[in-house]
């Protein structure tokens, strides 16, 4: 059941990530084709995974708020202002590190694994995939995995 939850929420995150990078097409999905869909949607899905697998810990509400804010901020840049090009390895690293506060709620080894998956997964994926849609969906999926 846990694997199914992770897979479904990973796909939803992939859709949010892609919609956040998609151009408006003049149809009913234009309301979702906005960077805020990625910036807010993916962190909310991440928190949904945490809540589904480890439950909601109300006394640690601030951990969720900090994780959401850090995740939002990492999803807004590909670090081109530092490197002069979109650095998906650093983007992935920062996405992974954004979940660091969750170490107070979930086992720390999961956060370390997440950092590695986001860093190398997003970097390698973005180097190898040439289709923008597949590339963005994949990074959104990796944000959860």
N, C-alpha and C. Protein backbone atom coordinates (compact mmCIF):
# COMPACT_ATOMS: atom_id res chain seq x y z
N UNK A 1 0.82 -1.20 0.00
CA UNK A 1 0.00 0.00 0.00
C UNK A 1 0.87 1.27 0.00
N UNK A 2 1.98 1.23 0.77
CA UNK A 2 2.87 2.39 0.82
C UNK A 2 3.46 2.69 -0.55
N UNK A 3 3.84 1.64 -1.27
CA UNK A 3 4.42 1.84 -2.60
C UNK A 3 3.39 2.47 -3.53
N UNK A 4 2.16 2.03 -3.45
CA UNK A 4 1.09 2.59 -4.29
C UNK A 4 0.87 4.07 -3.96
N UNK A 5 0.88 4.41 -2.68
CA UNK A 5 0.73 5.81 -2.28
C UNK A 5 1.85 6.65 -2.86
N UNK A 6 3.08 6.17 -2.73
CA UNK A 6 4.24 6.90 -3.25
C UNK A 6 4.15 7.05 -4.76
N UNK A 7 3.77 5.99 -5.46
CA UNK A 7 3.67 6.06 -6.93
C UNK A 7 2.60 7.06 -7.38
N UNK A 8 1.44 6.99 -6.77
CA UNK A 8 0.35 7.90 -7.15
C UNK A 8 0.74 9.36 -6.87
N UNK A 9 1.29 9.61 -5.68
CA UNK A 9 1.66 10.97 -5.34
C UNK A 9 2.86 11.45 -6.16
N UNK A 10 3.74 10.55 -6.55
CA UNK A 10 4.86 10.92 -7.44
C UNK A 10 4.35 11.38 -8.79
N UNK A 11 3.35 10.69 -9.31
CA UNK A 11 2.75 11.07 -10.60
C UNK A 11 2.06 12.43 -10.48
N UNK A 12 1.37 12.65 -9.37
CA UNK A 12 0.73 13.95 -9.16
C UNK A 12 1.78 15.06 -9.08
N UNK A 13 2.88 14.79 -8.40
CA UNK A 13 3.97 15.77 -8.32
C UNK A 13 4.56 16.03 -9.70
N UNK A 14 4.73 14.97 -10.50
CA UNK A 14 5.22 15.13 -11.86
C UNK A 14 4.31 16.02 -12.68
N UNK A 15 3.00 15.84 -12.52
CA UNK A 15 2.03 16.67 -13.25
C UNK A 15 2.11 18.13 -12.78
N UNK A 16 2.23 18.34 -11.47
CA UNK A 16 2.36 19.71 -10.95
C UNK A 16 3.63 20.37 -11.46
N UNK A 17 4.72 19.62 -11.46
CA UNK A 17 6.01 20.16 -11.91
C UNK A 17 5.91 20.58 -13.37
N UNK A 18 5.30 19.71 -14.19
CA UNK A 18 5.17 20.02 -15.61
C UNK A 18 4.22 21.19 -15.84
N UNK A 19 3.08 21.19 -15.18
CA UNK A 19 2.13 22.30 -15.36
C UNK A 19 2.77 23.63 -14.97
N UNK A 20 3.65 23.60 -13.98
CA UNK A 20 4.34 24.81 -13.57
C UNK A 20 5.29 25.34 -14.62
N UNK A 21 5.72 24.49 -15.55
CA UNK A 21 6.64 24.92 -16.60
C UNK A 21 6.01 25.02 -17.97
N UNK A 22 4.73 24.70 -18.06
CA UNK A 22 4.05 24.67 -19.35
C UNK A 22 3.54 26.05 -19.76
N UNK A 23 3.54 26.30 -21.05
CA UNK A 23 3.03 27.56 -21.58
C UNK A 23 1.50 27.50 -21.66
N UNK A 24 0.87 28.64 -21.52
CA UNK A 24 -0.59 28.72 -21.64
C UNK A 24 -0.99 28.42 -23.08
N UNK A 25 -2.12 27.69 -23.23
CA UNK A 25 -2.57 27.28 -24.56
C UNK A 25 -3.97 27.77 -24.89
N UNK A 26 -4.54 28.59 -24.02
CA UNK A 26 -5.87 29.11 -24.28
C UNK A 26 -6.98 28.11 -24.05
N UNK A 27 -6.77 27.15 -23.14
CA UNK A 27 -7.82 26.19 -22.85
C UNK A 27 -8.08 26.12 -21.34
N UNK A 28 -8.87 25.16 -20.91
CA UNK A 28 -9.32 25.11 -19.52
C UNK A 28 -8.21 24.80 -18.52
N UNK A 29 -7.08 24.31 -18.96
CA UNK A 29 -5.97 24.03 -18.04
C UNK A 29 -5.06 25.23 -17.80
N UNK A 30 -5.34 26.34 -18.46
CA UNK A 30 -4.47 27.51 -18.32
C UNK A 30 -4.38 28.02 -16.88
N UNK A 31 -5.45 27.82 -16.08
CA UNK A 31 -5.38 28.27 -14.69
C UNK A 31 -4.27 27.54 -13.93
N UNK A 32 -3.96 26.29 -14.33
CA UNK A 32 -2.94 25.49 -13.66
C UNK A 32 -1.56 25.66 -14.28
N UNK A 33 -1.51 26.21 -15.49
CA UNK A 33 -0.22 26.42 -16.15
C UNK A 33 0.40 27.70 -15.61
N UNK A 34 0.96 27.55 -14.44
CA UNK A 34 1.48 28.69 -13.71
C UNK A 34 2.62 28.15 -12.83
N UNK A 35 3.67 28.90 -12.69
CA UNK A 35 4.81 28.43 -11.89
C UNK A 35 4.39 28.09 -10.46
N UNK A 36 3.34 28.71 -9.96
CA UNK A 36 2.90 28.43 -8.59
C UNK A 36 2.35 27.02 -8.46
N UNK A 37 1.90 26.42 -9.55
CA UNK A 37 1.43 25.04 -9.50
C UNK A 37 2.59 24.13 -9.11
N UNK A 38 3.77 24.39 -9.67
CA UNK A 38 4.97 23.62 -9.31
C UNK A 38 5.44 24.03 -7.92
N UNK A 39 5.56 25.33 -7.70
CA UNK A 39 6.15 25.84 -6.46
C UNK A 39 5.37 25.42 -5.22
N UNK A 40 4.06 25.42 -5.30
CA UNK A 40 3.22 25.03 -4.16
C UNK A 40 2.76 23.58 -4.25
N UNK A 41 2.48 23.11 -5.46
CA UNK A 41 1.94 21.76 -5.63
C UNK A 41 2.90 20.66 -5.21
N UNK A 42 4.13 20.73 -5.67
CA UNK A 42 5.10 19.68 -5.34
C UNK A 42 5.39 19.60 -3.84
N UNK A 43 5.60 20.73 -3.16
CA UNK A 43 5.79 20.65 -1.70
C UNK A 43 4.56 20.11 -0.97
N UNK A 44 3.37 20.46 -1.43
CA UNK A 44 2.17 19.93 -0.79
C UNK A 44 2.07 18.41 -0.98
N UNK A 45 2.46 17.94 -2.16
CA UNK A 45 2.45 16.50 -2.40
C UNK A 45 3.50 15.83 -1.51
N UNK A 46 4.66 16.44 -1.37
CA UNK A 46 5.69 15.89 -0.48
C UNK A 46 5.15 15.76 0.94
N UNK A 47 4.49 16.79 1.42
CA UNK A 47 3.92 16.73 2.77
C UNK A 47 2.81 15.67 2.85
N UNK A 48 2.05 15.51 1.78
CA UNK A 48 1.02 14.47 1.75
C UNK A 48 1.65 13.08 1.89
N UNK A 49 2.80 12.88 1.26
CA UNK A 49 3.50 11.60 1.39
C UNK A 49 3.92 11.38 2.84
N UNK A 50 4.49 12.41 3.45
CA UNK A 50 4.93 12.30 4.84
C UNK A 50 3.74 12.00 5.73
N UNK A 51 2.64 12.71 5.55
CA UNK A 51 1.46 12.50 6.38
C UNK A 51 0.86 11.11 6.15
N UNK A 52 0.87 10.64 4.90
CA UNK A 52 0.30 9.32 4.60
C UNK A 52 1.14 8.20 5.19
N UNK A 53 2.44 8.36 5.20
CA UNK A 53 3.32 7.28 5.65
C UNK A 53 3.69 7.34 7.12
N UNK A 54 3.76 8.55 7.70
CA UNK A 54 4.19 8.70 9.09
C UNK A 54 3.16 9.41 9.96
N UNK A 55 2.05 9.80 9.38
CA UNK A 55 1.02 10.49 10.14
C UNK A 55 1.36 11.96 10.35
N UNK A 56 0.36 12.71 10.73
CA UNK A 56 0.54 14.14 10.99
C UNK A 56 0.88 14.33 12.46
N UNK A 57 1.98 15.02 12.70
CA UNK A 57 2.40 15.30 14.07
C UNK A 57 2.16 16.78 14.35
N UNK A 58 1.01 17.05 14.93
CA UNK A 58 0.58 18.43 15.16
C UNK A 58 1.54 19.25 16.00
N UNK A 59 2.22 18.62 16.94
CA UNK A 59 3.16 19.37 17.79
C UNK A 59 4.39 19.81 17.00
N UNK A 60 4.62 19.23 15.85
CA UNK A 60 5.72 19.62 14.97
C UNK A 60 5.23 20.37 13.73
N UNK A 61 4.14 21.09 13.86
CA UNK A 61 3.55 21.79 12.71
C UNK A 61 4.55 22.69 12.01
N UNK A 62 5.43 23.29 12.78
CA UNK A 62 6.40 24.24 12.23
C UNK A 62 7.39 23.55 11.28
N UNK A 63 7.65 22.26 11.49
CA UNK A 63 8.54 21.51 10.59
C UNK A 63 7.93 21.45 9.20
N UNK A 64 6.63 21.25 9.13
CA UNK A 64 5.93 21.20 7.84
C UNK A 64 5.98 22.56 7.15
N UNK A 65 5.78 23.62 7.92
CA UNK A 65 5.80 24.97 7.36
C UNK A 65 7.19 25.29 6.80
N UNK A 66 8.23 24.98 7.57
CA UNK A 66 9.60 25.25 7.11
C UNK A 66 9.92 24.42 5.87
N UNK A 67 9.55 23.15 5.89
CA UNK A 67 9.81 22.27 4.73
C UNK A 67 9.08 22.78 3.50
N UNK A 68 7.84 23.19 3.67
CA UNK A 68 7.08 23.75 2.55
C UNK A 68 7.77 24.99 1.99
N UNK A 69 8.16 25.90 2.86
CA UNK A 69 8.82 27.14 2.41
C UNK A 69 10.14 26.88 1.73
N UNK A 70 10.96 26.01 2.30
CA UNK A 70 12.24 25.68 1.68
C UNK A 70 12.04 25.00 0.32
N UNK A 71 11.08 24.09 0.27
CA UNK A 71 10.80 23.39 -1.00
C UNK A 71 10.32 24.37 -2.05
N UNK A 72 9.41 25.25 -1.67
CA UNK A 72 8.92 26.29 -2.59
C UNK A 72 10.10 27.07 -3.17
N UNK A 73 10.99 27.51 -2.28
CA UNK A 73 12.10 28.36 -2.74
C UNK A 73 13.06 27.59 -3.66
N UNK A 74 13.28 26.32 -3.41
CA UNK A 74 14.21 25.57 -4.27
C UNK A 74 13.61 25.30 -5.64
N UNK A 75 12.30 25.24 -5.71
CA UNK A 75 11.65 24.95 -7.00
C UNK A 75 11.56 26.18 -7.90
N UNK A 76 11.93 27.33 -7.38
CA UNK A 76 11.81 28.56 -8.17
C UNK A 76 13.05 28.87 -9.00
N UNK A 77 14.12 28.09 -8.85
CA UNK A 77 15.34 28.40 -9.58
C UNK A 77 16.09 27.15 -10.02
N UNK A 78 16.78 27.27 -11.13
CA UNK A 78 17.69 26.22 -11.60
C UNK A 78 19.14 26.67 -11.44
N UNK A 79 19.36 27.72 -10.67
CA UNK A 79 20.69 28.23 -10.32
C UNK A 79 21.46 28.79 -11.50
N UNK A 80 20.75 29.22 -12.54
CA UNK A 80 21.43 29.82 -13.69
C UNK A 80 22.04 31.18 -13.34
N UNK A 81 21.53 31.84 -12.31
CA UNK A 81 22.11 33.12 -11.91
C UNK A 81 23.49 32.95 -11.27
N UNK A 82 23.82 31.74 -10.84
CA UNK A 82 25.13 31.45 -10.27
C UNK A 82 26.06 30.85 -11.32
N UNK A 83 25.54 29.88 -12.08
CA UNK A 83 26.37 29.11 -13.00
C UNK A 83 26.33 29.59 -14.45
N UNK A 84 25.35 30.40 -14.78
CA UNK A 84 25.22 30.86 -16.16
C UNK A 84 24.46 29.88 -17.03
N UNK A 85 24.01 28.79 -16.48
CA UNK A 85 23.20 27.79 -17.18
C UNK A 85 22.36 27.08 -16.13
N UNK A 86 21.33 26.36 -16.58
CA UNK A 86 20.47 25.62 -15.65
C UNK A 86 21.24 24.43 -15.10
N UNK A 87 21.57 24.47 -13.81
CA UNK A 87 22.31 23.39 -13.17
C UNK A 87 21.33 22.50 -12.43
N UNK A 88 20.94 21.39 -13.06
CA UNK A 88 19.94 20.51 -12.48
C UNK A 88 20.48 19.67 -11.33
N UNK A 89 21.80 19.50 -11.27
CA UNK A 89 22.38 18.81 -10.12
C UNK A 89 22.21 19.66 -8.85
N UNK A 90 22.52 20.93 -8.94
CA UNK A 90 22.37 21.82 -7.78
C UNK A 90 20.88 22.00 -7.47
N UNK A 91 20.07 22.11 -8.50
CA UNK A 91 18.62 22.20 -8.30
C UNK A 91 18.13 20.98 -7.51
N UNK A 92 18.56 19.80 -7.92
CA UNK A 92 18.17 18.58 -7.21
C UNK A 92 18.72 18.52 -5.80
N UNK A 93 19.97 18.95 -5.63
CA UNK A 93 20.57 18.98 -4.30
C UNK A 93 19.75 19.86 -3.36
N UNK A 94 19.41 21.03 -3.83
CA UNK A 94 18.65 21.95 -2.98
C UNK A 94 17.24 21.43 -2.72
N UNK A 95 16.63 20.79 -3.72
CA UNK A 95 15.31 20.17 -3.50
C UNK A 95 15.40 19.10 -2.42
N UNK A 96 16.46 18.31 -2.47
CA UNK A 96 16.65 17.28 -1.45
C UNK A 96 16.90 17.87 -0.08
N UNK A 97 17.76 18.87 -0.01
CA UNK A 97 18.08 19.51 1.27
C UNK A 97 16.88 20.22 1.89
N UNK A 98 15.94 20.64 1.07
CA UNK A 98 14.76 21.35 1.57
C UNK A 98 13.96 20.49 2.56
N UNK A 99 14.11 19.19 2.45
CA UNK A 99 13.37 18.28 3.34
C UNK A 99 14.13 17.97 4.63
N UNK A 100 15.28 18.57 4.81
CA UNK A 100 16.10 18.31 5.99
C UNK A 100 15.34 18.48 7.32
N UNK A 101 14.49 19.49 7.46
CA UNK A 101 13.75 19.62 8.73
C UNK A 101 12.89 18.40 9.06
N UNK A 102 12.52 17.63 8.05
CA UNK A 102 11.69 16.45 8.29
C UNK A 102 12.42 15.37 9.07
N UNK A 103 13.73 15.53 9.27
CA UNK A 103 14.49 14.56 10.09
C UNK A 103 13.92 14.47 11.50
N UNK A 104 13.16 15.47 11.92
CA UNK A 104 12.54 15.43 13.24
C UNK A 104 11.30 14.54 13.25
N UNK A 105 10.85 14.14 12.06
CA UNK A 105 9.60 13.38 11.95
C UNK A 105 9.84 11.99 11.35
N UNK A 106 10.69 11.92 10.35
CA UNK A 106 10.93 10.65 9.67
C UNK A 106 12.39 10.24 9.84
N UNK A 107 12.72 8.98 9.60
CA UNK A 107 14.10 8.53 9.78
C UNK A 107 15.08 9.33 8.91
N UNK A 108 16.17 9.81 9.51
CA UNK A 108 17.14 10.63 8.77
C UNK A 108 17.73 9.95 7.54
N UNK A 109 17.86 8.65 7.54
CA UNK A 109 18.43 7.97 6.38
C UNK A 109 17.55 8.17 5.15
N UNK A 110 16.27 8.36 5.35
CA UNK A 110 15.36 8.60 4.23
C UNK A 110 15.67 9.97 3.61
N UNK A 111 15.97 10.95 4.44
CA UNK A 111 16.33 12.28 3.93
C UNK A 111 17.64 12.22 3.16
N UNK A 112 18.61 11.48 3.69
CA UNK A 112 19.90 11.32 2.99
C UNK A 112 19.68 10.66 1.63
N UNK A 113 18.85 9.63 1.60
CA UNK A 113 18.52 8.95 0.34
C UNK A 113 17.81 9.91 -0.61
N UNK A 114 16.90 10.70 -0.08
CA UNK A 114 16.18 11.70 -0.90
C UNK A 114 17.14 12.71 -1.51
N UNK A 115 18.10 13.18 -0.72
CA UNK A 115 19.08 14.13 -1.23
C UNK A 115 19.86 13.52 -2.40
N UNK A 116 20.28 12.27 -2.24
CA UNK A 116 21.03 11.60 -3.31
C UNK A 116 20.16 11.40 -4.55
N UNK A 117 18.93 10.94 -4.36
CA UNK A 117 18.03 10.71 -5.50
C UNK A 117 17.73 12.02 -6.23
N UNK A 118 17.43 13.07 -5.48
CA UNK A 118 17.13 14.36 -6.12
C UNK A 118 18.35 14.91 -6.84
N UNK A 119 19.51 14.87 -6.18
CA UNK A 119 20.72 15.45 -6.77
C UNK A 119 21.10 14.72 -8.06
N UNK A 120 21.36 13.44 -7.94
CA UNK A 120 21.84 12.69 -9.09
C UNK A 120 20.72 12.33 -10.06
N UNK A 121 19.54 12.05 -9.52
CA UNK A 121 18.41 11.73 -10.39
C UNK A 121 18.02 12.88 -11.29
N UNK A 122 17.84 14.06 -10.70
CA UNK A 122 17.45 15.22 -11.51
C UNK A 122 18.56 15.65 -12.46
N UNK A 123 19.80 15.57 -12.00
CA UNK A 123 20.92 15.96 -12.86
C UNK A 123 21.08 15.04 -14.05
N UNK A 124 21.13 13.74 -13.78
CA UNK A 124 21.32 12.76 -14.86
C UNK A 124 20.09 12.74 -15.77
N UNK A 125 18.90 12.76 -15.18
CA UNK A 125 17.66 12.75 -15.97
C UNK A 125 17.64 13.92 -16.95
N UNK A 126 17.97 15.11 -16.47
CA UNK A 126 17.92 16.31 -17.30
C UNK A 126 19.00 16.30 -18.39
N UNK A 127 20.12 15.64 -18.13
CA UNK A 127 21.16 15.50 -19.15
C UNK A 127 20.75 14.53 -20.25
N UNK A 128 20.04 13.49 -19.89
CA UNK A 128 19.74 12.40 -20.82
C UNK A 128 18.45 12.57 -21.61
N UNK A 129 17.49 13.30 -21.04
CA UNK A 129 16.17 13.42 -21.68
C UNK A 129 16.11 14.74 -22.45
N UNK A 130 15.70 14.66 -23.71
CA UNK A 130 15.65 15.86 -24.55
C UNK A 130 14.25 16.42 -24.75
N UNK A 131 13.24 15.73 -24.29
CA UNK A 131 11.86 16.17 -24.42
C UNK A 131 11.47 16.95 -23.16
N UNK A 132 11.08 18.23 -23.32
CA UNK A 132 10.78 19.09 -22.16
C UNK A 132 9.69 18.52 -21.27
N UNK A 133 8.65 17.96 -21.87
CA UNK A 133 7.53 17.44 -21.08
C UNK A 133 8.00 16.27 -20.22
N UNK A 134 8.66 15.30 -20.83
CA UNK A 134 9.14 14.12 -20.10
C UNK A 134 10.18 14.53 -19.06
N UNK A 135 11.04 15.47 -19.42
CA UNK A 135 12.08 15.93 -18.50
C UNK A 135 11.46 16.55 -17.24
N UNK A 136 10.48 17.42 -17.42
CA UNK A 136 9.88 18.09 -16.27
C UNK A 136 9.03 17.14 -15.44
N UNK A 137 8.29 16.26 -16.09
CA UNK A 137 7.51 15.27 -15.34
C UNK A 137 8.45 14.40 -14.52
N UNK A 138 9.55 13.99 -15.13
CA UNK A 138 10.53 13.15 -14.42
C UNK A 138 11.12 13.84 -13.21
N UNK A 139 11.47 15.10 -13.33
CA UNK A 139 12.00 15.83 -12.16
C UNK A 139 10.96 15.94 -11.07
N UNK A 140 9.69 16.13 -11.46
CA UNK A 140 8.62 16.19 -10.46
C UNK A 140 8.41 14.86 -9.75
N UNK A 141 8.54 13.77 -10.49
CA UNK A 141 8.45 12.44 -9.88
C UNK A 141 9.61 12.23 -8.93
N UNK A 142 10.81 12.59 -9.36
CA UNK A 142 12.01 12.43 -8.53
C UNK A 142 11.93 13.30 -7.26
N UNK A 143 11.22 14.40 -7.32
CA UNK A 143 11.03 15.26 -6.14
C UNK A 143 10.38 14.48 -5.00
N UNK A 144 9.56 13.51 -5.33
CA UNK A 144 8.88 12.69 -4.32
C UNK A 144 9.66 11.41 -4.03
N UNK A 145 10.15 10.75 -5.05
CA UNK A 145 10.86 9.47 -4.83
C UNK A 145 12.08 9.66 -3.97
